[in-house]
């Protein structure tokens, strides 16, 4: 089973407007990948973030990146919320990955 399957159901809420586009970006990249460990998944997401944001994903409150390729209008257009990914997005995806293994 491809890693992209954990991205199929989208979350009901996001941090910033760029988060759904980063999600889609990851899903597309994961189409060519086999499953990873939960820790490997987190590392991969953070590496992808660094590659598009040009900086590391941190857990500092208020830290985010504006990524031009994810900018499609609106006040926080292109914004990818580090805390949402660390506290919600990555744990959600790790949980789905663990369910696939059971």
PDB file of N, CA and C in Angstrom:
ATOM      1  N   UNK A   1       0.846  -1.183   0.000  1.00  0.00           N
ATOM      2  CA  UNK A   1       0.000   0.000   0.000  1.00  0.00           C
ATOM      3  C   UNK A   1       0.891   1.246   0.000  1.00  0.00           C
ATOM      4  N   UNK A   2       0.518   2.197  -0.808  1.00  0.00           N
ATOM      5  CA  UNK A   2       1.296   3.423  -0.932  1.00  0.00           C
ATOM      6  C   UNK A   2       1.076   4.341   0.271  1.00  0.00           C
ATOM      7  N   UNK A   3       2.083   5.103   0.580  1.00  0.00           N
ATOM      8  CA  UNK A   3       2.026   6.048   1.691  1.00  0.00           C
ATOM      9  C   UNK A   3       0.925   7.091   1.475  1.00  0.00           C
ATOM     10  N   UNK A   4       0.623   7.409   0.245  1.00  0.00           N
ATOM     11  CA  UNK A   4      -0.371   8.444  -0.060  1.00  0.00           C
ATOM     12  C   UNK A   4      -1.757   8.126   0.499  1.00  0.00           C
ATOM     13  N   UNK A   5      -2.042   6.872   0.798  1.00  0.00           N
ATOM     14  CA  UNK A   5      -3.370   6.507   1.304  1.00  0.00           C
ATOM     15  C   UNK A   5      -3.699   7.184   2.634  1.00  0.00           C
ATOM     16  N   UNK A   6      -2.691   7.546   3.436  1.00  0.00           N
ATOM     17  CA  UNK A   6      -2.979   8.186   4.726  1.00  0.00           C
ATOM     18  C   UNK A   6      -3.411   9.642   4.552  1.00  0.00           C
ATOM     19  N   UNK A   7      -3.253  10.177   3.356  1.00  0.00           N
ATOM     20  CA  UNK A   7      -3.628  11.561   3.072  1.00  0.00           C
ATOM     21  C   UNK A   7      -5.018  11.690   2.451  1.00  0.00           C
ATOM     22  N   UNK A   8      -5.659  10.568   2.149  1.00  0.00           N
ATOM     23  CA  UNK A   8      -6.906  10.609   1.386  1.00  0.00           C
ATOM     24  C   UNK A   8      -8.003  11.405   2.089  1.00  0.00           C
ATOM     25  N   UNK A   9      -8.220  11.162   3.356  1.00  0.00           N
ATOM     26  CA  UNK A   9      -9.242  11.916   4.098  1.00  0.00           C
ATOM     27  C   UNK A   9      -8.599  13.176   4.667  1.00  0.00           C
ATOM     28  N   UNK A  10      -9.135  14.306   4.242  1.00  0.00           N
ATOM     29  CA  UNK A  10      -8.558  15.588   4.665  1.00  0.00           C
ATOM     30  C   UNK A  10      -9.128  16.006   6.026  1.00  0.00           C
ATOM     31  N   UNK A  11      -8.324  16.687   6.832  1.00  0.00           N
ATOM     32  CA  UNK A  11      -8.808  17.167   8.135  1.00  0.00           C
ATOM     33  C   UNK A  11      -9.960  18.168   7.959  1.00  0.00           C
ATOM     34  N   UNK A  12     -10.754  18.310   9.000  1.00  0.00           N
ATOM     35  CA  UNK A  12     -11.881  19.246   8.964  1.00  0.00           C
ATOM     36  C   UNK A  12     -11.427  20.688   9.151  1.00  0.00           C
ATOM     37  N   UNK A  13     -10.309  20.901   9.828  1.00  0.00           N
ATOM     38  CA  UNK A  13      -9.810  22.263  10.042  1.00  0.00           C
ATOM     39  C   UNK A  13      -8.297  22.278   9.832  1.00  0.00           C
ATOM     40  N   UNK A  14      -7.808  23.490   9.574  1.00  0.00           N
ATOM     41  CA  UNK A  14      -6.399  23.698   9.270  1.00  0.00           C
ATOM     42  C   UNK A  14      -5.876  24.840  10.111  1.00  0.00           C
ATOM     43  N   UNK A  15      -4.577  25.039  10.090  1.00  0.00           N
ATOM     44  CA  UNK A  15      -3.961  26.177  10.755  1.00  0.00           C
ATOM     45  C   UNK A  15      -4.090  27.426   9.894  1.00  0.00           C
ATOM     46  N   UNK A  16      -3.409  27.430   8.735  1.00  0.00           N
ATOM     47  CA  UNK A  16      -3.425  28.552   7.801  1.00  0.00           C
ATOM     48  C   UNK A  16      -3.883  28.080   6.424  1.00  0.00           C
ATOM     49  N   UNK A  17      -4.122  29.026   5.550  1.00  0.00           N
ATOM     50  CA  UNK A  17      -4.640  28.715   4.212  1.00  0.00           C
ATOM     51  C   UNK A  17      -3.686  27.885   3.362  1.00  0.00           C
ATOM     52  N   UNK A  18      -2.417  27.936   3.634  1.00  0.00           N
ATOM     53  CA  UNK A  18      -1.464  27.153   2.853  1.00  0.00           C
ATOM     54  C   UNK A  18      -1.371  25.696   3.283  1.00  0.00           C
ATOM     55  N   UNK A  19      -1.916  25.369   4.459  1.00  0.00           N
ATOM     56  CA  UNK A  19      -1.808  23.996   4.958  1.00  0.00           C
ATOM     57  C   UNK A  19      -2.451  22.957   4.045  1.00  0.00           C
ATOM     58  N   UNK A  20      -3.661  23.192   3.501  1.00  0.00           N
ATOM     59  CA  UNK A  20      -4.230  22.186   2.594  1.00  0.00           C
ATOM     60  C   UNK A  20      -3.384  21.972   1.338  1.00  0.00           C
ATOM     61  N   UNK A  21      -2.705  23.019   0.894  1.00  0.00           N
ATOM     62  CA  UNK A  21      -1.861  22.885  -0.292  1.00  0.00           C
ATOM     63  C   UNK A  21      -0.578  22.121   0.032  1.00  0.00           C
ATOM     64  N   UNK A  22      -0.054  22.320   1.236  1.00  0.00           N
ATOM     65  CA  UNK A  22       1.105  21.526   1.661  1.00  0.00           C
ATOM     66  C   UNK A  22       0.688  20.068   1.813  1.00  0.00           C
ATOM     67  N   UNK A  23      -0.503  19.825   2.345  1.00  0.00           N
ATOM     68  CA  UNK A  23      -1.059  18.475   2.478  1.00  0.00           C
ATOM     69  C   UNK A  23      -1.111  17.808   1.102  1.00  0.00           C
ATOM     70  N   UNK A  24      -1.664  18.513   0.117  1.00  0.00           N
ATOM     71  CA  UNK A  24      -1.781  17.970  -1.239  1.00  0.00           C
ATOM     72  C   UNK A  24      -0.404  17.717  -1.851  1.00  0.00           C
ATOM     73  N   UNK A  25       0.519  18.617  -1.583  1.00  0.00           N
ATOM     74  CA  UNK A  25       1.898  18.465  -2.051  1.00  0.00           C
ATOM     75  C   UNK A  25       2.499  17.178  -1.488  1.00  0.00           C
ATOM     76  N   UNK A  26       2.320  16.963  -0.189  1.00  0.00           N
ATOM     77  CA  UNK A  26       2.842  15.751   0.440  1.00  0.00           C
ATOM     78  C   UNK A  26       2.156  14.514  -0.118  1.00  0.00           C
ATOM     79  N   UNK A  27       0.851  14.583  -0.296  1.00  0.00           N
ATOM     80  CA  UNK A  27       0.105  13.439  -0.830  1.00  0.00           C
ATOM     81  C   UNK A  27       0.615  13.054  -2.215  1.00  0.00           C
ATOM     82  N   UNK A  28       0.862  14.053  -3.041  1.00  0.00           N
ATOM     83  CA  UNK A  28       1.378  13.779  -4.384  1.00  0.00           C
ATOM     84  C   UNK A  28       2.754  13.122  -4.318  1.00  0.00           C
ATOM     85  N   UNK A  29       3.621  13.638  -3.471  1.00  0.00           N
ATOM     86  CA  UNK A  29       4.956  13.057  -3.319  1.00  0.00           C
ATOM     87  C   UNK A  29       4.880  11.632  -2.756  1.00  0.00           C
ATOM     88  N   UNK A  30       3.944  11.410  -1.841  1.00  0.00           N
ATOM     89  CA  UNK A  30       3.807  10.104  -1.194  1.00  0.00           C
ATOM     90  C   UNK A  30       3.271   9.039  -2.148  1.00  0.00           C
ATOM     91  N   UNK A  31       2.728   9.478  -3.269  1.00  0.00           N
ATOM     92  CA  UNK A  31       2.203   8.553  -4.275  1.00  0.00           C
ATOM     93  C   UNK A  31       3.296   7.604  -4.764  1.00  0.00           C
ATOM     94  N   UNK A  32       4.522   8.063  -4.758  1.00  0.00           N
ATOM     95  CA  UNK A  32       5.654   7.274  -5.262  1.00  0.00           C
ATOM     96  C   UNK A  32       6.432   6.575  -4.139  1.00  0.00           C
ATOM     97  N   UNK A  33       5.840   6.568  -2.939  1.00  0.00           N
ATOM     98  CA  UNK A  33       6.577   6.039  -1.790  1.00  0.00           C
ATOM     99  C   UNK A  33       5.853   4.868  -1.142  1.00  0.00           C
ATOM    100  N   UNK A  34       6.631   3.986  -0.568  1.00  0.00           N
ATOM    101  CA  UNK A  34       6.069   2.934   0.262  1.00  0.00           C
ATOM    102  C   UNK A  34       5.961   3.460   1.680  1.00  0.00           C
ATOM    103  N   UNK A  35       5.316   2.698   2.529  1.00  0.00           N
ATOM    104  CA  UNK A  35       5.109   3.151   3.904  1.00  0.00           C
ATOM    105  C   UNK A  35       6.421   3.361   4.636  1.00  0.00           C
ATOM    106  N   UNK A  36       6.352   4.279   5.603  1.00  0.00           N
ATOM    107  CA  UNK A  36       7.474   4.591   6.486  1.00  0.00           C
ATOM    108  C   UNK A  36       7.068   4.250   7.913  1.00  0.00           C
ATOM    109  N   UNK A  37       8.017   4.269   8.809  1.00  0.00           N
ATOM    110  CA  UNK A  37       7.693   4.184  10.231  1.00  0.00           C
ATOM    111  C   UNK A  37       7.072   5.514  10.643  1.00  0.00           C
ATOM    112  N   UNK A  38       6.348   5.586  11.765  1.00  0.00           N
ATOM    113  CA  UNK A  38       5.819   6.872  12.223  1.00  0.00           C
ATOM    114  C   UNK A  38       6.917   7.931  12.402  1.00  0.00           C
ATOM    115  N   UNK A  39       8.054   7.537  12.950  1.00  0.00           N
ATOM    116  CA  UNK A  39       9.165   8.486  13.116  1.00  0.00           C
ATOM    117  C   UNK A  39       9.717   8.905  11.756  1.00  0.00           C
ATOM    118  N   UNK A  40       9.804   7.956  10.841  1.00  0.00           N
ATOM    119  CA  UNK A  40      10.275   8.252   9.494  1.00  0.00           C
ATOM    120  C   UNK A  40       9.330   9.191   8.761  1.00  0.00           C
ATOM    121  N   UNK A  41       8.033   9.023   8.995  1.00  0.00           N
ATOM    122  CA  UNK A  41       7.038   9.907   8.400  1.00  0.00           C
ATOM    123  C   UNK A  41       7.235  11.342   8.879  1.00  0.00           C
ATOM    124  N   UNK A  42       7.408  11.515  10.181  1.00  0.00           N
ATOM    125  CA  UNK A  42       7.636  12.853  10.731  1.00  0.00           C
ATOM    126  C   UNK A  42       8.895  13.480  10.139  1.00  0.00           C
ATOM    127  N   UNK A  43       9.959  12.711  10.058  1.00  0.00           N
ATOM    128  CA  UNK A  43      11.210  13.213   9.502  1.00  0.00           C
ATOM    129  C   UNK A  43      11.021  13.612   8.040  1.00  0.00           C
ATOM    130  N   UNK A  44      10.321  12.788   7.268  1.00  0.00           N
ATOM    131  CA  UNK A  44      10.086  13.076   5.855  1.00  0.00           C
ATOM    132  C   UNK A  44       9.276  14.369   5.683  1.00  0.00           C
ATOM    133  N   UNK A  45       8.197  14.540   6.477  1.00  0.00           N
ATOM    134  CA  UNK A  45       7.375  15.753   6.386  1.00  0.00           C
ATOM    135  C   UNK A  45       8.218  16.980   6.710  1.00  0.00           C
ATOM    136  N   UNK A  46       9.027  16.892   7.743  1.00  0.00           N
ATOM    137  CA  UNK A  46       9.874  18.031   8.121  1.00  0.00           C
ATOM    138  C   UNK A  46      10.919  18.326   7.052  1.00  0.00           C
ATOM    139  N   UNK A  47      11.438  17.294   6.394  1.00  0.00           N
ATOM    140  CA  UNK A  47      12.401  17.509   5.304  1.00  0.00           C
ATOM    141  C   UNK A  47      11.719  18.171   4.113  1.00  0.00           C
ATOM    142  N   UNK A  48      10.491  17.741   3.804  1.00  0.00           N
ATOM    143  CA  UNK A  48       9.752  18.354   2.697  1.00  0.00           C
ATOM    144  C   UNK A  48       9.431  19.811   3.020  1.00  0.00           C
ATOM    145  N   UNK A  49       9.068  20.069   4.263  1.00  0.00           N
ATOM    146  CA  UNK A  49       8.785  21.441   4.688  1.00  0.00           C
ATOM    147  C   UNK A  49      10.024  22.310   4.487  1.00  0.00           C
ATOM    148  N   UNK A  50      11.156  21.813   4.941  1.00  0.00           N
ATOM    149  CA  UNK A  50      12.409  22.567   4.805  1.00  0.00           C
ATOM    150  C   UNK A  50      12.706  22.836   3.328  1.00  0.00           C
ATOM    151  N   UNK A  51      12.427  21.860   2.478  1.00  0.00           N
ATOM    152  CA  UNK A  51      12.747  22.038   1.059  1.00  0.00           C
ATOM    153  C   UNK A  51      11.871  23.104   0.407  1.00  0.00           C
ATOM    154  N   UNK A  52      10.611  23.253   0.818  1.00  0.00           N
ATOM    155  CA  UNK A  52       9.744  24.264   0.199  1.00  0.00           C
ATOM    156  C   UNK A  52       9.747  25.582   0.965  1.00  0.00           C
ATOM    157  N   UNK A  53       9.995  25.534   2.276  1.00  0.00           N
ATOM    158  CA  UNK A  53       9.961  26.752   3.100  1.00  0.00           C
ATOM    159  C   UNK A  53      11.328  27.416   3.219  1.00  0.00           C
ATOM    160  N   UNK A  54      12.376  26.634   3.045  1.00  0.00           N
ATOM    161  CA  UNK A  54      13.716  27.177   3.189  1.00  0.00           C
ATOM    162  C   UNK A  54      14.140  27.356   4.630  1.00  0.00           C
ATOM    163  N   UNK A  55      13.413  26.750   5.545  1.00  0.00           N
ATOM    164  CA  UNK A  55      13.757  26.822   6.970  1.00  0.00           C
ATOM    165  C   UNK A  55      13.168  25.606   7.665  1.00  0.00           C
ATOM    166  N   UNK A  56      13.655  25.277   8.855  1.00  0.00           N
ATOM    167  CA  UNK A  56      13.132  24.105   9.558  1.00  0.00           C
ATOM    168  C   UNK A  56      11.757  24.367  10.168  1.00  0.00           C
ATOM    169  N   UNK A  57      11.006  23.289  10.329  1.00  0.00           N
ATOM    170  CA  UNK A  57       9.725  23.343  11.024  1.00  0.00           C
ATOM    171  C   UNK A  57      10.022  23.327  12.525  1.00  0.00           C
ATOM    172  N   UNK A  58       9.508  24.331  13.237  1.00  0.00           N
ATOM    173  CA  UNK A  58       9.760  24.408  14.679  1.00  0.00           C
ATOM    174  C   UNK A  58       8.446  24.324  15.437  1.00  0.00           C
ATOM    175  N   UNK A  59       8.549  24.147  16.746  1.00  0.00           N
ATOM    176  CA  UNK A  59       7.354  24.115  17.595  1.00  0.00           C
ATOM    177  C   UNK A  59       7.151  25.438  18.329  1.00  0.00           C
ATOM    178  N   UNK A  60       7.800  26.503  17.848  1.00  0.00           N
ATOM    179  CA  UNK A  60       7.631  27.822  18.470  1.00  0.00           C
ATOM    180  C   UNK A  60       6.282  28.403  18.092  1.00  0.00           C
ATOM    181  N   UNK A  61       5.575  28.911  19.069  1.00  0.00           N
ATOM    182  CA  UNK A  61       4.279  29.532  18.835  1.00  0.00           C
ATOM    183  C   UNK A  61       4.440  30.701  17.867  1.00  0.00           C
ATOM    184  N   UNK A  62       3.566  30.767  16.886  1.00  0.00           N
ATOM    185  CA  UNK A  62       3.592  31.865  15.933  1.00  0.00           C
ATOM    186  C   UNK A  62       4.582  31.690  14.798  1.00  0.00           C
ATOM    187  N   UNK A  63       5.342  30.593  14.795  1.00  0.00           N
ATOM    188  CA  UNK A  63       6.295  30.372  13.718  1.00  0.00           C
ATOM    189  C   UNK A  63       5.563  29.715  12.545  1.00  0.00           C
ATOM    190  N   UNK A  64       5.763  30.263  11.370  1.00  0.00           N
ATOM    191  CA  UNK A  64       5.157  29.714  10.168  1.00  0.00           C
ATOM    192  C   UNK A  64       5.986  30.154   8.978  1.00  0.00           C
ATOM    193  N   UNK A  65       5.668  29.614   7.824  1.00  0.00           N
ATOM    194  CA  UNK A  65       6.341  30.014   6.594  1.00  0.00           C
ATOM    195  C   UNK A  65       5.282  30.401   5.578  1.00  0.00           C
ATOM    196  N   UNK A  66       5.574  31.428   4.812  1.00  0.00           N
ATOM    197  CA  UNK A  66       4.733  31.772   3.670  1.00  0.00           C
ATOM    198  C   UNK A  66       5.428  31.186   2.448  1.00  0.00           C
ATOM    199  N   UNK A  67       4.746  30.254   1.794  1.00  0.00           N
ATOM    200  CA  UNK A  67       5.325  29.522   0.670  1.00  0.00           C
ATOM    201  C   UNK A  67       4.560  29.917  -0.592  1.00  0.00           C
ATOM    202  N   UNK A  68       5.246  30.571  -1.464  1.00  0.00           N
ATOM    203  CA  UNK A  68       4.623  31.164  -2.658  1.00  0.00           C
ATOM    204  C   UNK A  68       3.805  30.152  -3.462  1.00  0.00           C
ATOM    205  N   UNK A  69       4.318  28.939  -3.633  1.00  0.00           N
ATOM    206  CA  UNK A  69       3.598  27.957  -4.442  1.00  0.00           C
ATOM    207  C   UNK A  69       2.278  27.522  -3.807  1.00  0.00           C
ATOM    208  N   UNK A  70       2.067  27.810  -2.525  1.00  0.00           N
ATOM    209  CA  UNK A  70       0.818  27.464  -1.849  1.00  0.00           C
ATOM    210  C   UNK A  70      -0.074  28.687  -1.648  1.00  0.00           C
ATOM    211  N   UNK A  71       0.303  29.819  -2.233  1.00  0.00           N
ATOM    212  CA  UNK A  71      -0.461  31.061  -2.076  1.00  0.00           C
ATOM    213  C   UNK A  71      -1.554  31.130  -3.142  1.00  0.00           C
ATOM    214  N   UNK A  72      -2.808  31.109  -2.684  1.00  0.00           N
ATOM    215  CA  UNK A  72      -3.953  31.129  -3.597  1.00  0.00           C
ATOM    216  C   UNK A  72      -4.992  32.145  -3.153  1.00  0.00           C
ATOM    217  N   UNK A  73      -4.592  33.188  -2.456  1.00  0.00           N
ATOM    218  CA  UNK A  73      -5.492  34.251  -2.036  1.00  0.00           C
ATOM    219  C   UNK A  73      -5.916  34.145  -0.584  1.00  0.00           C
ATOM    220  N   UNK A  74      -6.311  35.258  -0.013  1.00  0.00           N
ATOM    221  CA  UNK A  74      -6.756  35.291   1.380  1.00  0.00           C
ATOM    222  C   UNK A  74      -5.681  35.834   2.299  1.00  0.00           C
ATOM    223  N   UNK A  75      -6.101  36.145   3.518  1.00  0.00           N
ATOM    224  CA  UNK A  75      -5.228  36.816   4.473  1.00  0.00           C
ATOM    225  C   UNK A  75      -3.974  36.014   4.827  1.00  0.00           C
ATOM    226  N   UNK A  76      -4.108  34.722   5.028  1.00  0.00           N
ATOM    227  CA  UNK A  76      -2.936  33.909   5.372  1.00  0.00           C
ATOM    228  C   UNK A  76      -2.526  33.041   4.184  1.00  0.00           C
ATOM    229  N   UNK A  77      -2.732  33.555   2.990  1.00  0.00           N
ATOM    230  CA  UNK A  77      -2.434  32.822   1.767  1.00  0.00           C
ATOM    231  C   UNK A  77      -0.985  32.348   1.741  1.00  0.00           C
ATOM    232  N   UNK A  78      -0.813  31.077   1.480  1.00  0.00           N
ATOM    233  CA  UNK A  78       0.517  30.493   1.402  1.00  0.00           C
ATOM    234  C   UNK A  78       1.143  30.187   2.747  1.00  0.00           C
ATOM    235  N   UNK A  79       0.467  30.583   3.836  1.00  0.00           N
ATOM    236  CA  UNK A  79       1.002  30.327   5.167  1.00  0.00           C
ATOM    237  C   UNK A  79       0.858  28.861   5.556  1.00  0.00           C
ATOM    238  N   UNK A  80       1.944  28.277   6.010  1.00  0.00           N
ATOM    239  CA  UNK A  80       1.940  26.907   6.527  1.00  0.00           C
ATOM    240  C   UNK A  80       2.284  27.011   8.004  1.00  0.00           C
ATOM    241  N   UNK A  81       1.349  26.569   8.837  1.00  0.00           N
ATOM    242  CA  UNK A  81       1.423  26.730  10.287  1.00  0.00           C
ATOM    243  C   UNK A  81       2.195  25.579  10.932  1.00  0.00           C
ATOM    244  N   UNK A  82       3.417  25.874  11.371  1.00  0.00           N
ATOM    245  CA  UNK A  82       4.258  24.842  12.001  1.00  0.00           C
ATOM    246  C   UNK A  82       3.545  24.136  13.147  1.00  0.00           C
ATOM    247  N   UNK A  83       2.944  24.904  14.048  1.00  0.00           N
ATOM    248  CA  UNK A  83       2.301  24.280  15.214  1.00  0.00           C
ATOM    249  C   UNK A  83       1.166  23.366  14.810  1.00  0.00           C
ATOM    250  N   UNK A  84       0.382  23.735  13.802  1.00  0.00           N
ATOM    251  CA  UNK A  84      -0.703  22.853  13.363  1.00  0.00           C
ATOM    252  C   UNK A  84      -0.119  21.533  12.888  1.00  0.00           C
ATOM    253  N   UNK A  85       0.952  21.600  12.146  1.00  0.00           N
ATOM    254  CA  UNK A  85       1.557  20.362  11.643  1.00  0.00           C
ATOM    255  C   UNK A  85       2.146  19.532  12.779  1.00  0.00           C
ATOM    256  N   UNK A  86       2.819  20.175  13.706  1.00  0.00           N
ATOM    257  CA  UNK A  86       3.448  19.437  14.802  1.00  0.00           C
ATOM    258  C   UNK A  86       2.408  18.874  15.781  1.00  0.00           C
ATOM    259  N   UNK A  87       1.383  19.663  16.093  1.00  0.00           N
ATOM    260  CA  UNK A  87       0.398  19.237  17.096  1.00  0.00           C
ATOM    261  C   UNK A  87      -0.777  18.465  16.520  1.00  0.00           C
ATOM    262  N   UNK A  88      -1.101  18.671  15.244  1.00  0.00           N
ATOM    263  CA  UNK A  88      -2.300  18.051  14.669  1.00  0.00           C
ATOM    264  C   UNK A  88      -1.992  17.216  13.435  1.00  0.00           C
ATOM    265  N   UNK A  89      -1.402  17.833  12.427  1.00  0.00           N
ATOM    266  CA  UNK A  89      -1.211  17.163  11.144  1.00  0.00           C
ATOM    267  C   UNK A  89      -0.338  15.922  11.213  1.00  0.00           C
ATOM    268  N   UNK A  90       0.842  16.060  11.752  1.00  0.00           N
ATOM    269  CA  UNK A  90       1.757  14.912  11.827  1.00  0.00           C
ATOM    270  C   UNK A  90       1.192  13.816  12.734  1.00  0.00           C
ATOM    271  N   UNK A  91       0.691  14.129  13.950  1.00  0.00           N
ATOM    272  CA  UNK A  91       0.113  13.059  14.769  1.00  0.00           C
ATOM    273  C   UNK A  91      -1.079  12.353  14.094  1.00  0.00           C
ATOM    274  N   UNK A  92      -1.906  13.103  13.363  1.00  0.00           N
ATOM    275  CA  UNK A  92      -3.026  12.499  12.645  1.00  0.00           C
ATOM    276  C   UNK A  92      -2.516  11.512  11.602  1.00  0.00           C
ATOM    277  N   UNK A  93      -1.543  11.918  10.831  1.00  0.00           N
ATOM    278  CA  UNK A  93      -0.987  11.042   9.807  1.00  0.00           C
ATOM    279  C   UNK A  93      -0.274   9.837  10.412  1.00  0.00           C
ATOM    280  N   UNK A  94       0.429  10.045  11.523  1.00  0.00           N
ATOM    281  CA  UNK A  94       1.084   8.921  12.199  1.00  0.00           C
ATOM    282  C   UNK A  94       0.048   7.923  12.717  1.00  0.00           C
ATOM    283  N   UNK A  95      -1.045   8.434  13.238  1.00  0.00           N
ATOM    284  CA  UNK A  95      -2.127   7.566  13.724  1.00  0.00           C
ATOM    285  C   UNK A  95      -2.702   6.731  12.589  1.00  0.00           C
ATOM    286  N   UNK A  96      -2.923   7.339  11.451  1.00  0.00           N
ATOM    287  CA  UNK A  96      -3.437   6.611  10.293  1.00  0.00           C
ATOM    288  C   UNK A  96      -2.434   5.560   9.819  1.00  0.00           C
ATOM    289  N   UNK A  97      -1.170   5.912   9.862  1.00  0.00           N
ATOM    290  CA  UNK A  97      -0.118   4.974   9.455  1.00  0.00           C
ATOM    291  C   UNK A  97      -0.105   3.758  10.379  1.00  0.00           C
ATOM    292  N   UNK A  98      -0.243   4.007  11.663  1.00  0.00           N
ATOM    293  CA  UNK A  98      -0.257   2.891  12.646  1.00  0.00           C
ATOM    294  C   UNK A  98      -1.457   1.994  12.410  1.00  0.00           C
ATOM    295  N   UNK A  99      -2.617   2.562  12.063  1.00  0.00           N
ATOM    296  CA  UNK A  99      -3.821   1.767  11.807  1.00  0.00           C
ATOM    297  C   UNK A  99      -3.645   0.860  10.587  1.00  0.00           C
ATOM    298  N   UNK A 100      -2.889   1.326   9.614  1.00  0.00           N
ATOM    299  CA  UNK A 100      -2.627   0.498   8.425  1.00  0.00           C
ATOM    300  C   UNK A 100      -1.827  -0.740   8.785  1.00  0.00           C
ATOM    301  N   UNK A 101      -0.964  -0.594   9.798  1.00  0.00           N
ATOM    302  CA  UNK A 101      -0.121  -1.704  10.202  1.00  0.00           C
ATOM    303  C   UNK A 101      -0.821  -2.754  11.037  1.00  0.00           C
ATOM    304  N   UNK A 102      -2.016  -2.416  11.546  1.00  0.00           N
ATOM    305  CA  UNK A 102      -2.705  -3.389  12.415  1.00  0.00           C
ATOM    306  C   UNK A 102      -3.696  -4.247  11.667  1.00  0.00           C
TER     307      UNK A 102
END
